[in-house]
């Protein structure tokens, strides 16, 4: 038996980047998540790269903004590539999100919209 399950709650580090693939009709959303790690001296965030697909990606693109409080669950995977400059093999961990929970209150969203130059 094997288990690959990641559950995180934190704040989004920047506006989501959404990409649509015309050939397949798929959609992917990438963003970062800061999760507070408590230490004796201060709160240090751990940063996670998130990848969302399909309807979950569309929801994130429409409703999530920098600073939004969200909860995610999914699995850990590693992206591998070769650095074009040095030829060095590189990798980074990515959380493949299966479930997205919008945790901010309606009041938080209203305040965020009032302070945003893109208020519609």
PDB file of N, CA and C in Angstrom:
ATOM      1  N   UNK A   1       0.844  -1.182   0.000  1.00  0.00           N
ATOM      2  CA  UNK A   1       0.000   0.000   0.000  1.00  0.00           C
ATOM      3  C   UNK A   1       0.884   1.238   0.000  1.00  0.00           C
ATOM      4  N   UNK A   2       0.497   2.249  -0.755  1.00  0.00           N
ATOM      5  CA  UNK A   2       1.231   3.509  -0.744  1.00  0.00           C
ATOM      6  C   UNK A   2       0.232   4.664  -0.680  1.00  0.00           C
ATOM      7  N   UNK A   3       0.651   5.735  -0.036  1.00  0.00           N
ATOM      8  CA  UNK A   3      -0.199   6.919   0.117  1.00  0.00           C
ATOM      9  C   UNK A   3       0.612   8.141  -0.275  1.00  0.00           C
ATOM     10  N   UNK A   4       0.036   8.973  -1.118  1.00  0.00           N
ATOM     11  CA  UNK A   4       0.641  10.243  -1.515  1.00  0.00           C
ATOM     12  C   UNK A   4      -0.452  11.298  -1.362  1.00  0.00           C
ATOM     13  N   UNK A   5      -0.547  11.907  -0.186  1.00  0.00           N
ATOM     14  CA  UNK A   5      -1.594  12.860   0.122  1.00  0.00           C
ATOM     15  C   UNK A   5      -0.994  14.081   0.805  1.00  0.00           C
ATOM     16  N   UNK A   6      -1.325  15.252   0.272  1.00  0.00           N
ATOM     17  CA  UNK A   6      -0.854  16.510   0.827  1.00  0.00           C
ATOM     18  C   UNK A   6      -2.079  17.373   1.116  1.00  0.00           C
ATOM     19  N   UNK A   7      -2.140  17.951   2.328  1.00  0.00           N
ATOM     20  CA  UNK A   7      -3.214  18.868   2.709  1.00  0.00           C
ATOM     21  C   UNK A   7      -2.562  20.129   3.244  1.00  0.00           C
ATOM     22  N   UNK A   8      -2.911  21.278   2.661  1.00  0.00           N
ATOM     23  CA  UNK A   8      -2.310  22.549   3.050  1.00  0.00           C
ATOM     24  C   UNK A   8      -3.371  23.631   3.184  1.00  0.00           C
ATOM     25  N   UNK A   9      -3.142  24.560   4.109  1.00  0.00           N
ATOM     26  CA  UNK A   9      -3.958  25.765   4.235  1.00  0.00           C
ATOM     27  C   UNK A   9      -2.990  26.934   4.314  1.00  0.00           C
ATOM     28  N   UNK A  10      -3.216  27.934   3.466  1.00  0.00           N
ATOM     29  CA  UNK A  10      -2.327  29.088   3.470  1.00  0.00           C
ATOM     30  C   UNK A  10      -2.846  30.193   2.582  1.00  0.00           C
ATOM     31  N   UNK A  11      -1.963  31.159   2.331  1.00  0.00           N
ATOM     32  CA  UNK A  11      -2.305  32.325   1.509  1.00  0.00           C
ATOM     33  C   UNK A  11      -1.596  32.251   0.168  1.00  0.00           C
ATOM     34  N   UNK A  12      -2.314  32.635  -0.881  1.00  0.00           N
ATOM     35  CA  UNK A  12      -1.788  32.592  -2.238  1.00  0.00           C
ATOM     36  C   UNK A  12      -0.754  33.696  -2.425  1.00  0.00           C
ATOM     37  N   UNK A  13       0.389  33.338  -3.033  1.00  0.00           N
ATOM     38  CA  UNK A  13       1.510  34.265  -3.171  1.00  0.00           C
ATOM     39  C   UNK A  13       1.393  35.229  -4.326  1.00  0.00           C
ATOM     40  N   UNK A  14       0.575  34.966  -5.295  1.00  0.00           N
ATOM     41  CA  UNK A  14       0.387  35.851  -6.445  1.00  0.00           C
ATOM     42  C   UNK A  14      -0.868  35.436  -7.186  1.00  0.00           C
ATOM     43  N   UNK A  15      -1.339  36.283  -8.086  1.00  0.00           N
ATOM     44  CA  UNK A  15      -2.525  35.926  -8.857  1.00  0.00           C
ATOM     45  C   UNK A  15      -2.260  34.643  -9.656  1.00  0.00           C
ATOM     46  N   UNK A  16      -3.254  33.765  -9.760  1.00  0.00           N
ATOM     47  CA  UNK A  16      -3.082  32.514 -10.490  1.00  0.00           C
ATOM     48  C   UNK A  16      -2.760  32.751 -11.963  1.00  0.00           C
ATOM     49  N   UNK A  17      -1.937  31.879 -12.528  1.00  0.00           N
ATOM     50  CA  UNK A  17      -1.613  31.895 -13.956  1.00  0.00           C
ATOM     51  C   UNK A  17      -2.394  30.769 -14.617  1.00  0.00           C
ATOM     52  N   UNK A  18      -3.353  31.145 -15.475  1.00  0.00           N
ATOM     53  CA  UNK A  18      -4.221  30.164 -16.122  1.00  0.00           C
ATOM     54  C   UNK A  18      -3.834  30.053 -17.594  1.00  0.00           C
ATOM     55  N   UNK A  19      -3.756  28.808 -18.076  1.00  0.00           N
ATOM     56  CA  UNK A  19      -3.404  28.565 -19.474  1.00  0.00           C
ATOM     57  C   UNK A  19      -4.391  27.580 -20.076  1.00  0.00           C
ATOM     58  N   UNK A  20      -4.940  27.941 -21.237  1.00  0.00           N
ATOM     59  CA  UNK A  20      -5.869  27.069 -21.952  1.00  0.00           C
ATOM     60  C   UNK A  20      -5.139  26.422 -23.130  1.00  0.00           C
ATOM     61  N   UNK A  21      -5.368  25.123 -23.325  1.00  0.00           N
ATOM     62  CA  UNK A  21      -4.790  24.391 -24.435  1.00  0.00           C
ATOM     63  C   UNK A  21      -5.880  24.180 -25.479  1.00  0.00           C
ATOM     64  N   UNK A  22      -5.764  24.865 -26.618  1.00  0.00           N
ATOM     65  CA  UNK A  22      -6.807  24.811 -27.636  1.00  0.00           C
ATOM     66  C   UNK A  22      -6.921  23.430 -28.271  1.00  0.00           C
ATOM     67  N   UNK A  23      -5.802  22.732 -28.420  1.00  0.00           N
ATOM     68  CA  UNK A  23      -5.833  21.420 -29.064  1.00  0.00           C
ATOM     69  C   UNK A  23      -6.663  20.416 -28.285  1.00  0.00           C
ATOM     70  N   UNK A  24      -6.470  20.392 -26.961  1.00  0.00           N
ATOM     71  CA  UNK A  24      -7.144  19.386 -26.140  1.00  0.00           C
ATOM     72  C   UNK A  24      -8.347  19.932 -25.378  1.00  0.00           C
ATOM     73  N   UNK A  25      -8.451  21.256 -25.268  1.00  0.00           N
ATOM     74  CA  UNK A  25      -9.525  21.851 -24.488  1.00  0.00           C
ATOM     75  C   UNK A  25      -9.247  21.853 -22.998  1.00  0.00           C
ATOM     76  N   UNK A  26      -8.056  21.429 -22.595  1.00  0.00           N
ATOM     77  CA  UNK A  26      -7.690  21.393 -21.182  1.00  0.00           C
ATOM     78  C   UNK A  26      -7.319  22.781 -20.683  1.00  0.00           C
ATOM     79  N   UNK A  27      -7.370  22.934 -19.371  1.00  0.00           N
ATOM     80  CA  UNK A  27      -6.959  24.179 -18.733  1.00  0.00           C
ATOM     81  C   UNK A  27      -6.115  23.828 -17.511  1.00  0.00           C
ATOM     82  N   UNK A  28      -5.034  24.594 -17.307  1.00  0.00           N
ATOM     83  CA  UNK A  28      -4.166  24.403 -16.160  1.00  0.00           C
ATOM     84  C   UNK A  28      -3.983  25.735 -15.456  1.00  0.00           C
ATOM     85  N   UNK A  29      -3.867  25.680 -14.153  1.00  0.00           N
ATOM     86  CA  UNK A  29      -3.642  26.877 -13.352  1.00  0.00           C
ATOM     87  C   UNK A  29      -2.449  26.600 -12.445  1.00  0.00           C
ATOM     88  N   UNK A  30      -1.515  27.557 -12.409  1.00  0.00           N
ATOM     89  CA  UNK A  30      -0.354  27.435 -11.527  1.00  0.00           C
ATOM     90  C   UNK A  30      -0.306  28.637 -10.604  1.00  0.00           C
ATOM     91  N   UNK A  31       0.051  28.379  -9.347  1.00  0.00           N
ATOM     92  CA  UNK A  31       0.185  29.444  -8.357  1.00  0.00           C
ATOM     93  C   UNK A  31       1.039  28.944  -7.205  1.00  0.00           C
ATOM     94  N   UNK A  32       1.413  29.869  -6.327  1.00  0.00           N
ATOM     95  CA  UNK A  32       2.202  29.505  -5.161  1.00  0.00           C
ATOM     96  C   UNK A  32       1.358  29.707  -3.903  1.00  0.00           C
ATOM     97  N   UNK A  33       1.708  28.956  -2.867  1.00  0.00           N
ATOM     98  CA  UNK A  33       0.984  29.020  -1.603  1.00  0.00           C
ATOM     99  C   UNK A  33       1.986  29.139  -0.465  1.00  0.00           C
ATOM    100  N   UNK A  34       1.780  30.138   0.389  1.00  0.00           N
ATOM    101  CA  UNK A  34       2.607  30.316   1.584  1.00  0.00           C
ATOM    102  C   UNK A  34       1.874  29.720   2.775  1.00  0.00           C
ATOM    103  N   UNK A  35       2.548  28.810   3.464  1.00  0.00           N
ATOM    104  CA  UNK A  35       1.985  28.166   4.646  1.00  0.00           C
ATOM    105  C   UNK A  35       2.897  28.493   5.822  1.00  0.00           C
ATOM    106  N   UNK A  36       2.330  29.096   6.864  1.00  0.00           N
ATOM    107  CA  UNK A  36       3.123  29.524   8.018  1.00  0.00           C
ATOM    108  C   UNK A  36       3.704  28.315   8.738  1.00  0.00           C
ATOM    109  N   UNK A  37       4.977  28.407   9.053  1.00  0.00           N
ATOM    110  CA  UNK A  37       5.656  27.383   9.858  1.00  0.00           C
ATOM    111  C   UNK A  37       6.095  28.056  11.144  1.00  0.00           C
ATOM    112  N   UNK A  38       5.542  27.625  12.231  1.00  0.00           N
ATOM    113  CA  UNK A  38       5.841  28.274  13.515  1.00  0.00           C
ATOM    114  C   UNK A  38       7.204  27.833  14.029  1.00  0.00           C
ATOM    115  N   UNK A  39       8.010  28.828  14.394  1.00  0.00           N
ATOM    116  CA  UNK A  39       9.303  28.567  15.028  1.00  0.00           C
ATOM    117  C   UNK A  39       9.334  29.346  16.335  1.00  0.00           C
ATOM    118  N   UNK A  40      10.360  29.171  17.110  1.00  0.00           N
ATOM    119  CA  UNK A  40      10.451  29.870  18.395  1.00  0.00           C
ATOM    120  C   UNK A  40      10.554  31.382  18.221  1.00  0.00           C
ATOM    121  N   UNK A  41      11.275  31.832  17.220  1.00  0.00           N
ATOM    122  CA  UNK A  41      11.538  33.264  17.066  1.00  0.00           C
ATOM    123  C   UNK A  41      10.515  33.989  16.207  1.00  0.00           C
ATOM    124  N   UNK A  42       9.998  33.350  15.177  1.00  0.00           N
ATOM    125  CA  UNK A  42       9.054  34.030  14.288  1.00  0.00           C
ATOM    126  C   UNK A  42       8.322  33.001  13.434  1.00  0.00           C
ATOM    127  N   UNK A  43       7.316  33.479  12.736  1.00  0.00           N
ATOM    128  CA  UNK A  43       6.608  32.630  11.787  1.00  0.00           C
ATOM    129  C   UNK A  43       7.328  32.703  10.447  1.00  0.00           C
ATOM    130  N   UNK A  44       7.808  31.585   9.975  1.00  0.00           N
ATOM    131  CA  UNK A  44       8.481  31.504   8.686  1.00  0.00           C
ATOM    132  C   UNK A  44       7.573  30.754   7.716  1.00  0.00           C
ATOM    133  N   UNK A  45       7.267  31.332   6.545  1.00  0.00           N
ATOM    134  CA  UNK A  45       6.415  30.597   5.613  1.00  0.00           C
ATOM    135  C   UNK A  45       7.207  29.562   4.818  1.00  0.00           C
ATOM    136  N   UNK A  46       6.555  28.464   4.523  1.00  0.00           N
ATOM    137  CA  UNK A  46       7.053  27.503   3.546  1.00  0.00           C
ATOM    138  C   UNK A  46       6.268  27.766   2.271  1.00  0.00           C
ATOM    139  N   UNK A  47       6.953  27.778   1.134  1.00  0.00           N
ATOM    140  CA  UNK A  47       6.316  28.070  -0.145  1.00  0.00           C
ATOM    141  C   UNK A  47       6.144  26.787  -0.941  1.00  0.00           C
ATOM    142  N   UNK A  48       4.952  26.611  -1.501  1.00  0.00           N
ATOM    143  CA  UNK A  48       4.624  25.434  -2.291  1.00  0.00           C
ATOM    144  C   UNK A  48       4.137  25.867  -3.674  1.00  0.00           C
ATOM    145  N   UNK A  49       4.562  25.127  -4.692  1.00  0.00           N
ATOM    146  CA  UNK A  49       4.078  25.329  -6.057  1.00  0.00           C
ATOM    147  C   UNK A  49       2.854  24.452  -6.251  1.00  0.00           C
ATOM    148  N   UNK A  50       1.747  25.053  -6.723  1.00  0.00           N
ATOM    149  CA  UNK A  50       0.501  24.319  -6.928  1.00  0.00           C
ATOM    150  C   UNK A  50       0.188  24.225  -8.413  1.00  0.00           C
ATOM    151  N   UNK A  51      -0.409  23.099  -8.798  1.00  0.00           N
ATOM    152  CA  UNK A  51      -0.855  22.881 -10.171  1.00  0.00           C
ATOM    153  C   UNK A  51      -2.274  22.331 -10.118  1.00  0.00           C
ATOM    154  N   UNK A  52      -3.203  23.014 -10.787  1.00  0.00           N
ATOM    155  CA  UNK A  52      -4.606  22.609 -10.800  1.00  0.00           C
ATOM    156  C   UNK A  52      -5.037  22.409 -12.248  1.00  0.00           C
ATOM    157  N   UNK A  53      -5.923  21.460 -12.490  1.00  0.00           N
ATOM    158  CA  UNK A  53      -6.384  21.158 -13.841  1.00  0.00           C
ATOM    159  C   UNK A  53      -7.907  21.186 -13.919  1.00  0.00           C
ATOM    160  N   UNK A  54      -8.424  21.383 -15.102  1.00  0.00           N
ATOM    161  CA  UNK A  54      -9.851  21.279 -15.379  1.00  0.00           C
ATOM    162  C   UNK A  54     -10.691  22.328 -14.671  1.00  0.00           C
ATOM    163  N   UNK A  55     -11.849  21.903 -14.181  1.00  0.00           N
ATOM    164  CA  UNK A  55     -12.804  22.800 -13.528  1.00  0.00           C
ATOM    165  C   UNK A  55     -12.176  23.472 -12.305  1.00  0.00           C
ATOM    166  N   UNK A  56     -11.359  22.737 -11.560  1.00  0.00           N
ATOM    167  CA  UNK A  56     -10.704  23.308 -10.384  1.00  0.00           C
ATOM    168  C   UNK A  56      -9.796  24.463 -10.790  1.00  0.00           C
ATOM    169  N   UNK A  57      -9.114  24.319 -11.922  1.00  0.00           N
ATOM    170  CA  UNK A  57      -8.248  25.386 -12.435  1.00  0.00           C
ATOM    171  C   UNK A  57      -9.070  26.615 -12.815  1.00  0.00           C
ATOM    172  N   UNK A  58     -10.232  26.407 -13.428  1.00  0.00           N
ATOM    173  CA  UNK A  58     -11.092  27.525 -13.817  1.00  0.00           C
ATOM    174  C   UNK A  58     -11.628  28.263 -12.591  1.00  0.00           C
ATOM    175  N   UNK A  59     -12.033  27.517 -11.567  1.00  0.00           N
ATOM    176  CA  UNK A  59     -12.512  28.138 -10.326  1.00  0.00           C
ATOM    177  C   UNK A  59     -11.406  28.987  -9.709  1.00  0.00           C
ATOM    178  N   UNK A  60     -10.203  28.450  -9.649  1.00  0.00           N
ATOM    179  CA  UNK A  60      -9.073  29.204  -9.085  1.00  0.00           C
ATOM    180  C   UNK A  60      -8.824  30.472  -9.892  1.00  0.00           C
ATOM    181  N   UNK A  61      -8.849  30.367 -11.209  1.00  0.00           N
ATOM    182  CA  UNK A  61      -8.622  31.531 -12.062  1.00  0.00           C
ATOM    183  C   UNK A  61      -9.670  32.612 -11.881  1.00  0.00           C
ATOM    184  N   UNK A  62     -10.905  32.203 -11.588  1.00  0.00           N
ATOM    185  CA  UNK A  62     -12.005  33.163 -11.449  1.00  0.00           C
ATOM    186  C   UNK A  62     -12.132  33.757 -10.051  1.00  0.00           C
ATOM    187  N   UNK A  63     -11.767  33.002  -9.016  1.00  0.00           N
ATOM    188  CA  UNK A  63     -12.080  33.437  -7.651  1.00  0.00           C
ATOM    189  C   UNK A  63     -10.881  33.637  -6.728  1.00  0.00           C
ATOM    190  N   UNK A  64      -9.727  33.132  -7.082  1.00  0.00           N
ATOM    191  CA  UNK A  64      -8.561  33.235  -6.212  1.00  0.00           C
ATOM    192  C   UNK A  64      -7.683  34.396  -6.657  1.00  0.00           C
ATOM    193  N   UNK A  65      -7.201  35.168  -5.709  1.00  0.00           N
ATOM    194  CA  UNK A  65      -6.296  36.291  -5.978  1.00  0.00           C
ATOM    195  C   UNK A  65      -5.156  36.255  -4.980  1.00  0.00           C
ATOM    196  N   UNK A  66      -4.142  37.030  -5.234  1.00  0.00           N
ATOM    197  CA  UNK A  66      -3.011  37.137  -4.321  1.00  0.00           C
ATOM    198  C   UNK A  66      -3.532  37.457  -2.918  1.00  0.00           C
ATOM    199  N   UNK A  67      -3.064  36.713  -1.922  1.00  0.00           N
ATOM    200  CA  UNK A  67      -3.471  36.925  -0.544  1.00  0.00           C
ATOM    201  C   UNK A  67      -4.682  36.134  -0.107  1.00  0.00           C
ATOM    202  N   UNK A  68      -5.390  35.484  -1.054  1.00  0.00           N
ATOM    203  CA  UNK A  68      -6.565  34.685  -0.696  1.00  0.00           C
ATOM    204  C   UNK A  68      -6.174  33.538   0.224  1.00  0.00           C
ATOM    205  N   UNK A  69      -7.028  33.270   1.208  1.00  0.00           N
ATOM    206  CA  UNK A  69      -6.841  32.132   2.092  1.00  0.00           C
ATOM    207  C   UNK A  69      -7.542  30.930   1.461  1.00  0.00           C
ATOM    208  N   UNK A  70      -6.773  29.871   1.188  1.00  0.00           N
ATOM    209  CA  UNK A  70      -7.340  28.681   0.561  1.00  0.00           C
ATOM    210  C   UNK A  70      -6.842  27.427   1.272  1.00  0.00           C
ATOM    211  N   UNK A  71      -7.580  26.361   1.087  1.00  0.00           N
ATOM    212  CA  UNK A  71      -7.162  25.040   1.513  1.00  0.00           C
ATOM    213  C   UNK A  71      -7.088  24.165   0.274  1.00  0.00           C
ATOM    214  N   UNK A  72      -6.086  23.315   0.203  1.00  0.00           N
ATOM    215  CA  UNK A  72      -5.944  22.415  -0.932  1.00  0.00           C
ATOM    216  C   UNK A  72      -5.604  21.020  -0.439  1.00  0.00           C
ATOM    217  N   UNK A  73      -6.008  20.035  -1.216  1.00  0.00           N
ATOM    218  CA  UNK A  73      -5.545  18.664  -0.991  1.00  0.00           C
ATOM    219  C   UNK A  73      -5.225  18.072  -2.357  1.00  0.00           C
ATOM    220  N   UNK A  74      -4.220  17.237  -2.361  1.00  0.00           N
ATOM    221  CA  UNK A  74      -3.770  16.641  -3.610  1.00  0.00           C
ATOM    222  C   UNK A  74      -2.601  15.721  -3.363  1.00  0.00           C
ATOM    223  N   UNK A  75      -1.735  15.605  -4.363  1.00  0.00           N
ATOM    224  CA  UNK A  75      -0.592  14.701  -4.262  1.00  0.00           C
ATOM    225  C   UNK A  75       0.687  15.433  -4.644  1.00  0.00           C
ATOM    226  N   UNK A  76       1.783  14.899  -4.163  1.00  0.00           N
ATOM    227  CA  UNK A  76       3.104  15.462  -4.431  1.00  0.00           C
ATOM    228  C   UNK A  76       3.687  14.797  -5.658  1.00  0.00           C
ATOM    229  N   UNK A  77       4.222  15.612  -6.572  1.00  0.00           N
ATOM    230  CA  UNK A  77       4.927  15.088  -7.731  1.00  0.00           C
ATOM    231  C   UNK A  77       6.184  15.928  -7.927  1.00  0.00           C
ATOM    232  N   UNK A  78       7.083  15.473  -8.760  1.00  0.00           N
ATOM    233  CA  UNK A  78       8.299  16.219  -9.046  1.00  0.00           C
ATOM    234  C   UNK A  78       8.382  16.500 -10.538  1.00  0.00           C
ATOM    235  N   UNK A  79       8.651  17.766 -10.879  1.00  0.00           N
ATOM    236  CA  UNK A  79       8.921  18.141 -12.264  1.00  0.00           C
ATOM    237  C   UNK A  79      10.419  18.028 -12.484  1.00  0.00           C
ATOM    238  N   UNK A  80      10.808  17.459 -13.612  1.00  0.00           N
ATOM    239  CA  UNK A  80      12.222  17.303 -13.945  1.00  0.00           C
ATOM    240  C   UNK A  80      12.495  17.984 -15.272  1.00  0.00           C
ATOM    241  N   UNK A  81      13.628  18.667 -15.371  1.00  0.00           N
ATOM    242  CA  UNK A  81      14.038  19.303 -16.608  1.00  0.00           C
ATOM    243  C   UNK A  81      15.547  19.483 -16.605  1.00  0.00           C
ATOM    244  N   UNK A  82      16.064  19.849 -17.770  1.00  0.00           N
ATOM    245  CA  UNK A  82      17.495  20.107 -17.894  1.00  0.00           C
ATOM    246  C   UNK A  82      17.688  21.601 -18.105  1.00  0.00           C
ATOM    247  N   UNK A  83      18.537  22.205 -17.284  1.00  0.00           N
ATOM    248  CA  UNK A  83      18.828  23.634 -17.366  1.00  0.00           C
ATOM    249  C   UNK A  83      19.442  23.935 -18.727  1.00  0.00           C
ATOM    250  N   UNK A  84      18.844  24.873 -19.460  1.00  0.00           N
ATOM    251  CA  UNK A  84      19.320  25.194 -20.811  1.00  0.00           C
ATOM    252  C   UNK A  84      20.705  25.817 -20.816  1.00  0.00           C
ATOM    253  N   UNK A  85      21.028  26.566 -19.770  1.00  0.00           N
ATOM    254  CA  UNK A  85      22.314  27.257 -19.706  1.00  0.00           C
ATOM    255  C   UNK A  85      23.455  26.322 -19.313  1.00  0.00           C
ATOM    256  N   UNK A  86      23.240  25.565 -18.246  1.00  0.00           N
ATOM    257  CA  UNK A  86      24.328  24.736 -17.705  1.00  0.00           C
ATOM    258  C   UNK A  86      24.227  23.267 -18.093  1.00  0.00           C
ATOM    259  N   UNK A  87      23.066  22.821 -18.551  1.00  0.00           N
ATOM    260  CA  UNK A  87      22.875  21.416 -18.872  1.00  0.00           C
ATOM    261  C   UNK A  87      22.651  20.539 -17.655  1.00  0.00           C
ATOM    262  N   UNK A  88      22.560  21.162 -16.473  1.00  0.00           N
ATOM    263  CA  UNK A  88      22.355  20.436 -15.224  1.00  0.00           C
ATOM    264  C   UNK A  88      20.921  19.930 -15.119  1.00  0.00           C
ATOM    265  N   UNK A  89      20.764  18.699 -14.644  1.00  0.00           N
ATOM    266  CA  UNK A  89      19.425  18.168 -14.392  1.00  0.00           C
ATOM    267  C   UNK A  89      18.859  18.850 -13.152  1.00  0.00           C
ATOM    268  N   UNK A  90      17.625  19.317 -13.258  1.00  0.00           N
ATOM    269  CA  UNK A  90      16.974  20.030 -12.156  1.00  0.00           C
ATOM    270  C   UNK A  90      15.631  19.380 -11.864  1.00  0.00           C
ATOM    271  N   UNK A  91      15.110  19.645 -10.667  1.00  0.00           N
ATOM    272  CA  UNK A  91      13.770  19.177 -10.313  1.00  0.00           C
ATOM    273  C   UNK A  91      13.203  20.090  -9.235  1.00  0.00           C
ATOM    274  N   UNK A  92      11.881  20.051  -9.101  1.00  0.00           N
ATOM    275  CA  UNK A  92      11.215  20.796  -8.036  1.00  0.00           C
ATOM    276  C   UNK A  92       9.918  20.089  -7.671  1.00  0.00           C
ATOM    277  N   UNK A  93       9.559  20.161  -6.394  1.00  0.00           N
ATOM    278  CA  UNK A  93       8.301  19.544  -5.979  1.00  0.00           C
ATOM    279  C   UNK A  93       7.109  20.419  -6.367  1.00  0.00           C
ATOM    280  N   UNK A  94       6.025  19.771  -6.745  1.00  0.00           N
ATOM    281  CA  UNK A  94       4.782  20.450  -7.116  1.00  0.00           C
ATOM    282  C   UNK A  94       3.626  19.684  -6.489  1.00  0.00           C
ATOM    283  N   UNK A  95       2.663  20.433  -5.947  1.00  0.00           N
ATOM    284  CA  UNK A  95       1.452  19.808  -5.411  1.00  0.00           C
ATOM    285  C   UNK A  95       0.402  19.806  -6.518  1.00  0.00           C
ATOM    286  N   UNK A  96      -0.022  18.623  -6.939  1.00  0.00           N
ATOM    287  CA  UNK A  96      -1.090  18.478  -7.932  1.00  0.00           C
ATOM    288  C   UNK A  96      -2.402  18.501  -7.170  1.00  0.00           C
ATOM    289  N   UNK A  97      -3.111  19.616  -7.237  1.00  0.00           N
ATOM    290  CA  UNK A  97      -4.305  19.854  -6.429  1.00  0.00           C
ATOM    291  C   UNK A  97      -5.515  19.142  -7.033  1.00  0.00           C
ATOM    292  N   UNK A  98      -6.191  18.356  -6.211  1.00  0.00           N
ATOM    293  CA  UNK A  98      -7.426  17.685  -6.607  1.00  0.00           C
ATOM    294  C   UNK A  98      -8.650  18.408  -6.037  1.00  0.00           C
ATOM    295  N   UNK A  99      -8.463  19.025  -4.874  1.00  0.00           N
ATOM    296  CA  UNK A  99      -9.574  19.726  -4.223  1.00  0.00           C
ATOM    297  C   UNK A  99      -9.101  21.096  -3.765  1.00  0.00           C
ATOM    298  N   UNK A 100      -9.928  22.112  -4.038  1.00  0.00           N
ATOM    299  CA  UNK A 100      -9.652  23.496  -3.660  1.00  0.00           C
ATOM    300  C   UNK A 100     -10.802  23.999  -2.808  1.00  0.00           C
ATOM    301  N   UNK A 101     -10.472  24.547  -1.628  1.00  0.00           N
ATOM    302  CA  UNK A 101     -11.481  25.146  -0.758  1.00  0.00           C
ATOM    303  C   UNK A 101     -11.159  26.623  -0.591  1.00  0.00           C
ATOM    304  N   UNK A 102     -12.132  27.482  -0.911  1.00  0.00           N
ATOM    305  CA  UNK A 102     -11.980  28.925  -0.726  1.00  0.00           C
ATOM    306  C   UNK A 102     -12.370  29.234   0.709  1.00  0.00           C
ATOM    307  N   UNK A 103     -11.410  29.660   1.524  1.00  0.00           N
ATOM    308  CA  UNK A 103     -11.639  29.796   2.955  1.00  0.00           C
ATOM    309  C   UNK A 103     -11.869  31.228   3.416  1.00  0.00           C
ATOM    310  N   UNK A 104     -11.602  32.193   2.586  1.00  0.00           N
ATOM    311  CA  UNK A 104     -11.811  33.585   2.968  1.00  0.00           C
ATOM    312  C   UNK A 104     -13.290  33.879   3.108  1.00  0.00           C
ATOM    313  N   UNK A 105     -13.622  34.812   3.980  1.00  0.00           N
ATOM    314  CA  UNK A 105     -15.021  35.191   4.171  1.00  0.00           C
ATOM    315  C   UNK A 105     -15.473  36.136   3.067  1.00  0.00           C
ATOM    316  N   UNK A 106     -16.762  36.323   2.946  1.00  0.00           N
ATOM    317  CA  UNK A 106     -17.324  37.270   1.978  1.00  0.00           C
ATOM    318  C   UNK A 106     -16.799  38.666   2.270  1.00  0.00           C
ATOM    319  N   UNK A 107     -16.664  39.017   3.547  1.00  0.00           N
ATOM    320  CA  UNK A 107     -16.157  40.331   3.947  1.00  0.00           C
ATOM    321  C   UNK A 107     -14.722  40.528   3.459  1.00  0.00           C
ATOM    322  N   UNK A 108     -13.891  39.480   3.570  1.00  0.00           N
ATOM    323  CA  UNK A 108     -12.521  39.558   3.068  1.00  0.00           C
ATOM    324  C   UNK A 108     -12.510  39.842   1.579  1.00  0.00           C
ATOM    325  N   UNK A 109     -13.396  39.175   0.832  1.00  0.00           N
ATOM    326  CA  UNK A 109     -13.462  39.375  -0.611  1.00  0.00           C
ATOM    327  C   UNK A 109     -13.930  40.779  -0.944  1.00  0.00           C
ATOM    328  N   UNK A 110     -14.914  41.304  -0.209  1.00  0.00           N
ATOM    329  CA  UNK A 110     -15.405  42.662  -0.450  1.00  0.00           C
ATOM    330  C   UNK A 110     -14.309  43.683  -0.186  1.00  0.00           C
ATOM    331  N   UNK A 111     -13.567  43.521   0.897  1.00  0.00           N
ATOM    332  CA  UNK A 111     -12.472  44.435   1.222  1.00  0.00           C
ATOM    333  C   UNK A 111     -11.406  44.370   0.151  1.00  0.00           C
ATOM    334  N   UNK A 112     -11.091  43.172  -0.297  1.00  0.00           N
ATOM    335  CA  UNK A 112     -10.087  42.997  -1.347  1.00  0.00           C
ATOM    336  C   UNK A 112     -10.539  43.692  -2.620  1.00  0.00           C
ATOM    337  N   UNK A 113     -11.811  43.550  -2.978  1.00  0.00           N
ATOM    338  CA  UNK A 113     -12.333  44.175  -4.197  1.00  0.00           C
ATOM    339  C   UNK A 113     -12.342  45.695  -4.075  1.00  0.00           C
ATOM    340  N   UNK A 114     -12.682  46.220  -2.892  1.00  0.00           N
ATOM    341  CA  UNK A 114     -12.712  47.664  -2.699  1.00  0.00           C
ATOM    342  C   UNK A 114     -11.330  48.282  -2.849  1.00  0.00           C
ATOM    343  N   UNK A 115     -10.288  47.549  -2.486  1.00  0.00           N
ATOM    344  CA  UNK A 115      -8.919  48.043  -2.565  1.00  0.00           C
ATOM    345  C   UNK A 115      -8.284  47.756  -3.912  1.00  0.00           C
ATOM    346  N   UNK A 116      -8.974  47.035  -4.768  1.00  0.00           N
ATOM    347  CA  UNK A 116      -8.421  46.650  -6.058  1.00  0.00           C
ATOM    348  C   UNK A 116      -8.745  47.689  -7.121  1.00  0.00           C
ATOM    349  N   UNK A 117      -7.769  48.036  -7.976  1.00  0.00           N
ATOM    350  CA  UNK A 117      -8.050  48.976  -9.065  1.00  0.00           C
ATOM    351  C   UNK A 117      -8.926  48.367 -10.137  1.00  0.00           C
ATOM    352  N   UNK A 118      -9.106  47.052 -10.120  1.00  0.00           N
ATOM    353  CA  UNK A 118      -9.899  46.366 -11.144  1.00  0.00           C
ATOM    354  C   UNK A 118     -11.272  45.999 -10.614  1.00  0.00           C
ATOM    355  N   UNK A 119     -11.905  46.882  -9.855  1.00  0.00           N
ATOM    356  CA  UNK A 119     -13.222  46.625  -9.292  1.00  0.00           C
ATOM    357  C   UNK A 119     -14.269  46.814 -10.386  1.00  0.00           C
ATOM    358  N   UNK A 120     -15.086  45.758 -10.626  1.00  0.00           N
ATOM    359  CA  UNK A 120     -16.114  45.821 -11.662  1.00  0.00           C
ATOM    360  C   UNK A 120     -17.486  45.872 -11.049  1.00  0.00           C
TER     361      UNK A 120
END
